[in-house]
């Protein structure tokens, strides 16, 4: 069976101070350990970027764009990225890096 990881799971999985961090991390680890196909979609990475780079005082994670980019690259290595239209994701990454 395959599972799609939601944006909230991505954010909670790296947000160690968040009360749901442990639950999110354990859920993902359990799926991977069982050999399940764990997938992410570009929409989740777009949403993660917004949450990650939003200031903390505005309910974000307060990351600089370069830090968010590192996390997105990690997600791409850990999970199978399913592209909807490949050109869209590539263009978004280029725009995000250019207009950080």
C-alpha atoms as a PDB file:
ATOM      1  CA  UNK A   1       0.000   0.000   0.000  1.00  0.00           C
ATOM      2  CA  UNK A   2       1.183   3.565  -0.541  1.00  0.00           C
ATOM      3  CA  UNK A   3       0.717   6.551   1.726  1.00  0.00           C
ATOM      4  CA  UNK A   4       0.780  10.259   0.976  1.00  0.00           C
ATOM      5  CA  UNK A   5       2.400  12.437   3.625  1.00  0.00           C
ATOM      6  CA  UNK A   6       0.483  15.590   4.510  1.00  0.00           C
ATOM      7  CA  UNK A   7       2.124  18.991   4.945  1.00  0.00           C
ATOM      8  CA  UNK A   8       1.360  18.978   8.666  1.00  0.00           C
ATOM      9  CA  UNK A   9       3.241  15.718   9.104  1.00  0.00           C
ATOM     10  CA  UNK A  10       6.261  17.202   7.334  1.00  0.00           C
ATOM     11  CA  UNK A  11       6.184  20.336   9.501  1.00  0.00           C
ATOM     12  CA  UNK A  12       5.581  18.493  12.764  1.00  0.00           C
ATOM     13  CA  UNK A  13       8.222  15.929  11.903  1.00  0.00           C
ATOM     14  CA  UNK A  14      10.958  18.563  11.912  1.00  0.00           C
ATOM     15  CA  UNK A  15       9.437  20.945  14.467  1.00  0.00           C
ATOM     16  CA  UNK A  16      10.928  19.364  17.569  1.00  0.00           C
ATOM     17  CA  UNK A  17       9.310  21.897  19.909  1.00  0.00           C
ATOM     18  CA  UNK A  18       5.817  21.128  18.628  1.00  0.00           C
ATOM     19  CA  UNK A  19       3.713  18.837  20.885  1.00  0.00           C
ATOM     20  CA  UNK A  20       2.908  16.563  17.904  1.00  0.00           C
ATOM     21  CA  UNK A  21       6.544  16.166  16.815  1.00  0.00           C
ATOM     22  CA  UNK A  22       7.067  12.743  18.360  1.00  0.00           C
ATOM     23  CA  UNK A  23       3.773  11.384  17.018  1.00  0.00           C
ATOM     24  CA  UNK A  24       4.510  12.604  13.483  1.00  0.00           C
ATOM     25  CA  UNK A  25       8.073  11.285  13.521  1.00  0.00           C
ATOM     26  CA  UNK A  26       7.000   7.888  14.864  1.00  0.00           C
ATOM     27  CA  UNK A  27       4.198   7.543  12.317  1.00  0.00           C
ATOM     28  CA  UNK A  28       6.537   8.188   9.392  1.00  0.00           C
ATOM     29  CA  UNK A  29       9.237   5.943  10.841  1.00  0.00           C
ATOM     30  CA  UNK A  30       6.686   3.150  11.303  1.00  0.00           C
ATOM     31  CA  UNK A  31       5.592   3.343   7.663  1.00  0.00           C
ATOM     32  CA  UNK A  32       9.162   3.333   6.392  1.00  0.00           C
ATOM     33  CA  UNK A  33      10.173   0.480   8.720  1.00  0.00           C
ATOM     34  CA  UNK A  34       7.248  -1.616   7.462  1.00  0.00           C
ATOM     35  CA  UNK A  35       8.445  -1.036   3.907  1.00  0.00           C
ATOM     36  CA  UNK A  36       5.401   0.976   2.877  1.00  0.00           C
ATOM     37  CA  UNK A  37       5.593   3.291  -0.134  1.00  0.00           C
ATOM     38  CA  UNK A  38       5.570   6.784   1.348  1.00  0.00           C
ATOM     39  CA  UNK A  39       4.959   9.582  -1.108  1.00  0.00           C
ATOM     40  CA  UNK A  40       4.876  13.355  -1.167  1.00  0.00           C
ATOM     41  CA  UNK A  41       3.357  15.657  -3.741  1.00  0.00           C
ATOM     42  CA  UNK A  42       4.524  19.095  -4.864  1.00  0.00           C
ATOM     43  CA  UNK A  43       1.529  20.767  -3.204  1.00  0.00           C
ATOM     44  CA  UNK A  44       2.772  19.589   0.195  1.00  0.00           C
ATOM     45  CA  UNK A  45       6.227  21.012  -0.482  1.00  0.00           C
ATOM     46  CA  UNK A  46       4.725  24.343  -1.557  1.00  0.00           C
ATOM     47  CA  UNK A  47       2.644  24.446   1.610  1.00  0.00           C
ATOM     48  CA  UNK A  48       5.610  23.399   3.758  1.00  0.00           C
ATOM     49  CA  UNK A  49       7.690  26.229   2.252  1.00  0.00           C
ATOM     50  CA  UNK A  50       5.015  28.779   3.203  1.00  0.00           C
ATOM     51  CA  UNK A  51       4.765  27.479   6.772  1.00  0.00           C
ATOM     52  CA  UNK A  52       8.530  27.122   7.165  1.00  0.00           C
ATOM     53  CA  UNK A  53       9.399  30.625   5.932  1.00  0.00           C
ATOM     54  CA  UNK A  54       6.528  32.453   7.625  1.00  0.00           C
ATOM     55  CA  UNK A  55       7.660  34.393  10.733  1.00  0.00           C
ATOM     56  CA  UNK A  56       7.084  32.666  14.081  1.00  0.00           C
ATOM     57  CA  UNK A  57       4.937  35.562  15.274  1.00  0.00           C
ATOM     58  CA  UNK A  58       2.613  34.797  12.349  1.00  0.00           C
ATOM     59  CA  UNK A  59       2.292  31.099  13.236  1.00  0.00           C
ATOM     60  CA  UNK A  60       5.184  30.015  11.024  1.00  0.00           C
ATOM     61  CA  UNK A  61       8.497  28.294  11.654  1.00  0.00           C
ATOM     62  CA  UNK A  62      10.668  31.372  11.000  1.00  0.00           C
ATOM     63  CA  UNK A  63      13.142  29.666   8.662  1.00  0.00           C
ATOM     64  CA  UNK A  64      15.242  31.405   6.096  1.00  0.00           C
ATOM     65  CA  UNK A  65      14.533  30.210   2.529  1.00  0.00           C
ATOM     66  CA  UNK A  66      17.866  28.360   2.360  1.00  0.00           C
ATOM     67  CA  UNK A  67      16.927  26.333   5.445  1.00  0.00           C
ATOM     68  CA  UNK A  68      13.494  25.496   4.037  1.00  0.00           C
ATOM     69  CA  UNK A  69      15.202  24.414   0.816  1.00  0.00           C
ATOM     70  CA  UNK A  70      17.424  22.005   2.776  1.00  0.00           C
ATOM     71  CA  UNK A  71      14.365  20.442   4.404  1.00  0.00           C
ATOM     72  CA  UNK A  72      12.560  20.108   1.063  1.00  0.00           C
ATOM     73  CA  UNK A  73      15.624  18.357  -0.381  1.00  0.00           C
ATOM     74  CA  UNK A  74      15.621  15.979   2.603  1.00  0.00           C
ATOM     75  CA  UNK A  75      11.945  15.215   2.059  1.00  0.00           C
ATOM     76  CA  UNK A  76      12.691  14.464  -1.590  1.00  0.00           C
ATOM     77  CA  UNK A  77      15.415  12.006  -0.558  1.00  0.00           C
ATOM     78  CA  UNK A  78      13.296  10.279   2.098  1.00  0.00           C
ATOM     79  CA  UNK A  79       9.963  10.099   0.281  1.00  0.00           C
ATOM     80  CA  UNK A  80       8.991   9.339  -3.285  1.00  0.00           C
ATOM     81  CA  UNK A  81       8.086  12.644  -4.929  1.00  0.00           C
ATOM     82  CA  UNK A  82       5.121  12.279  -7.280  1.00  0.00           C
ATOM     83  CA  UNK A  83       5.110  15.134  -9.744  1.00  0.00           C
ATOM     84  CA  UNK A  84       1.826  16.315 -11.171  1.00  0.00           C
ATOM     85  CA  UNK A  85       3.305  18.260 -14.094  1.00  0.00           C
ATOM     86  CA  UNK A  86       7.109  18.110 -13.817  1.00  0.00           C
ATOM     87  CA  UNK A  87       7.685  21.580 -15.261  1.00  0.00           C
ATOM     88  CA  UNK A  88       5.579  23.226 -12.551  1.00  0.00           C
ATOM     89  CA  UNK A  89       7.695  21.932  -9.670  1.00  0.00           C
ATOM     90  CA  UNK A  90      10.972  22.819 -11.356  1.00  0.00           C
ATOM     91  CA  UNK A  91       9.756  26.343 -12.087  1.00  0.00           C
ATOM     92  CA  UNK A  92       8.483  26.819  -8.532  1.00  0.00           C
ATOM     93  CA  UNK A  93      11.847  25.759  -7.085  1.00  0.00           C
ATOM     94  CA  UNK A  94      13.641  28.214  -9.349  1.00  0.00           C
ATOM     95  CA  UNK A  95      11.260  31.058  -8.427  1.00  0.00           C
ATOM     96  CA  UNK A  96      11.463  30.304  -4.710  1.00  0.00           C
ATOM     97  CA  UNK A  97      15.255  30.384  -4.798  1.00  0.00           C
ATOM     98  CA  UNK A  98      15.355  33.537  -6.939  1.00  0.00           C
ATOM     99  CA  UNK A  99      12.865  35.563  -4.891  1.00  0.00           C
ATOM    100  CA  UNK A 100      13.722  34.435  -1.389  1.00  0.00           C
END
